[in-house]
Amino acid sequence: MVFCVSIEHSIHVAEQFKAAGIMAAHIDGTTSDTDRRFAIEAFADRKIQVLTNCSLCCEGFDMSAQ
């Protein structure tokens, strides 16, 4: 999980990982609940290796509870 300083930064970091051939996704507070859950589940299931976010998964994030 990568913690970024802004939404734009988070999107950019995810895109850079993808450009390097590493499966990545970005989520933030504007990401729909459905898309957010899909991304977190894909990360938990190791379908993606990197999950970037901005001010979303900060405190008390329990991936096993997702």
C-alpha atoms as a PDB file:
ATOM      1  CA  MET A   1       0.000   0.000   0.000  1.00  0.00           C
ATOM      2  CA  VAL A   2       1.351   3.399  -1.003  1.00  0.00           C
ATOM      3  CA  PHE A   3       0.275   6.556   0.818  1.00  0.00           C
ATOM      4  CA  CYS A   4       0.409   9.632  -1.402  1.00  0.00           C
ATOM      5  CA  VAL A   5       0.222  13.375  -0.739  1.00  0.00           C
ATOM      6  CA  SER A   6      -2.606  14.156  -3.181  1.00  0.00           C
ATOM      7  CA  ILE A   7      -5.084  12.402  -5.456  1.00  0.00           C
ATOM      8  CA  GLU A   8      -3.078  13.483  -8.491  1.00  0.00           C
ATOM      9  CA  HIS A   9       0.082  12.070  -6.914  1.00  0.00           C
ATOM     10  CA  SER A  10      -1.665   8.788  -6.113  1.00  0.00           C
ATOM     11  CA  ILE A  11      -2.951   8.424  -9.682  1.00  0.00           C
ATOM     12  CA  HIS A  12       0.508   9.239 -11.054  1.00  0.00           C
ATOM     13  CA  VAL A  13       2.237   6.699  -8.781  1.00  0.00           C
ATOM     14  CA  ALA A  14      -0.232   3.953  -9.767  1.00  0.00           C
ATOM     15  CA  GLU A  15       0.292   4.776 -13.453  1.00  0.00           C
ATOM     16  CA  GLN A  16       4.077   4.606 -13.033  1.00  0.00           C
ATOM     17  CA  PHE A  17       3.854   1.162 -11.436  1.00  0.00           C
ATOM     18  CA  LYS A  18       1.591  -0.014 -14.275  1.00  0.00           C
ATOM     19  CA  ALA A  19       4.025   1.398 -16.862  1.00  0.00           C
ATOM     20  CA  ALA A  20       6.750  -0.700 -15.218  1.00  0.00           C
ATOM     21  CA  GLY A  21       4.605  -3.828 -15.591  1.00  0.00           C
ATOM     22  CA  ILE A  22       3.462  -3.980 -11.967  1.00  0.00           C
ATOM     23  CA  MET A  23      -0.262  -4.396 -11.381  1.00  0.00           C
ATOM     24  CA  ALA A  24      -1.494  -1.348  -9.454  1.00  0.00           C
ATOM     25  CA  ALA A  25      -4.682   0.552  -8.670  1.00  0.00           C
ATOM     26  CA  HIS A  26      -5.565   3.920  -7.149  1.00  0.00           C
ATOM     27  CA  ILE A  27      -8.395   4.705  -4.729  1.00  0.00           C
ATOM     28  CA  ASP A  28      -9.481   7.887  -2.978  1.00  0.00           C
ATOM     29  CA  GLY A  29     -12.526   9.381  -1.289  1.00  0.00           C
ATOM     30  CA  THR A  30     -14.266   9.967  -4.618  1.00  0.00           C
ATOM     31  CA  THR A  31     -13.891   6.337  -5.730  1.00  0.00           C
ATOM     32  CA  SER A  32     -17.275   4.606  -5.702  1.00  0.00           C
ATOM     33  CA  ASP A  33     -17.870   2.079  -2.925  1.00  0.00           C
ATOM     34  CA  THR A  34     -18.087  -0.688  -5.533  1.00  0.00           C
ATOM     35  CA  ASP A  35     -14.813   0.261  -7.231  1.00  0.00           C
ATOM     36  CA  ARG A  36     -13.099   0.778  -3.883  1.00  0.00           C
ATOM     37  CA  ARG A  37     -14.175  -2.648  -2.608  1.00  0.00           C
ATOM     38  CA  PHE A  38     -13.096  -4.274  -5.906  1.00  0.00           C
ATOM     39  CA  ALA A  39      -9.638  -2.666  -5.684  1.00  0.00           C
ATOM     40  CA  ILE A  40      -9.142  -3.588  -2.024  1.00  0.00           C
ATOM     41  CA  GLU A  41     -10.272  -7.175  -2.641  1.00  0.00           C
ATOM     42  CA  ALA A  42      -7.959  -7.446  -5.671  1.00  0.00           C
ATOM     43  CA  PHE A  43      -5.089  -6.190  -3.502  1.00  0.00           C
ATOM     44  CA  ALA A  44      -5.951  -8.626  -0.704  1.00  0.00           C
ATOM     45  CA  ASP A  45      -6.172 -11.479  -3.237  1.00  0.00           C
ATOM     46  CA  ARG A  46      -2.817 -10.381  -4.735  1.00  0.00           C
ATOM     47  CA  LYS A  47      -4.369  -9.752  -8.139  1.00  0.00           C
ATOM     48  CA  ILE A  48      -2.733  -6.346  -7.896  1.00  0.00           C
ATOM     49  CA  GLN A  49       0.571  -5.797  -6.137  1.00  0.00           C
ATOM     50  CA  VAL A  50       0.265  -2.085  -5.346  1.00  0.00           C
ATOM     51  CA  LEU A  51      -2.678  -0.054  -4.073  1.00  0.00           C
ATOM     52  CA  THR A  52      -2.161   3.701  -3.952  1.00  0.00           C
ATOM     53  CA  ASN A  53      -4.375   6.078  -2.008  1.00  0.00           C
ATOM     54  CA  CYS A  54      -4.637   9.594  -0.677  1.00  0.00           C
ATOM     55  CA  SER A  55      -6.093  10.199   2.783  1.00  0.00           C
ATOM     56  CA  LEU A  56      -8.300   7.132   2.573  1.00  0.00           C
ATOM     57  CA  CYS A  57      -6.622   4.110   4.151  1.00  0.00           C
ATOM     58  CA  CYS A  58      -4.860   5.937   6.937  1.00  0.00           C
ATOM     59  CA  GLU A  59      -5.940   4.912  10.394  1.00  0.00           C
ATOM     60  CA  GLY A  60      -7.440   1.630  11.425  1.00  0.00           C
ATOM     61  CA  PHE A  61      -7.464   0.065   7.970  1.00  0.00           C
ATOM     62  CA  ASP A  62      -8.063  -3.672   8.400  1.00  0.00           C
ATOM     63  CA  MET A  63      -7.727  -5.358   5.031  1.00  0.00           C
ATOM     64  CA  SER A  64      -8.804  -8.728   6.450  1.00  0.00           C
ATOM     65  CA  ALA A  65     -12.185  -7.197   7.328  1.00  0.00           C
ATOM     66  CA  GLN A  66     -12.866  -6.061   3.757  1.00  0.00           C
END
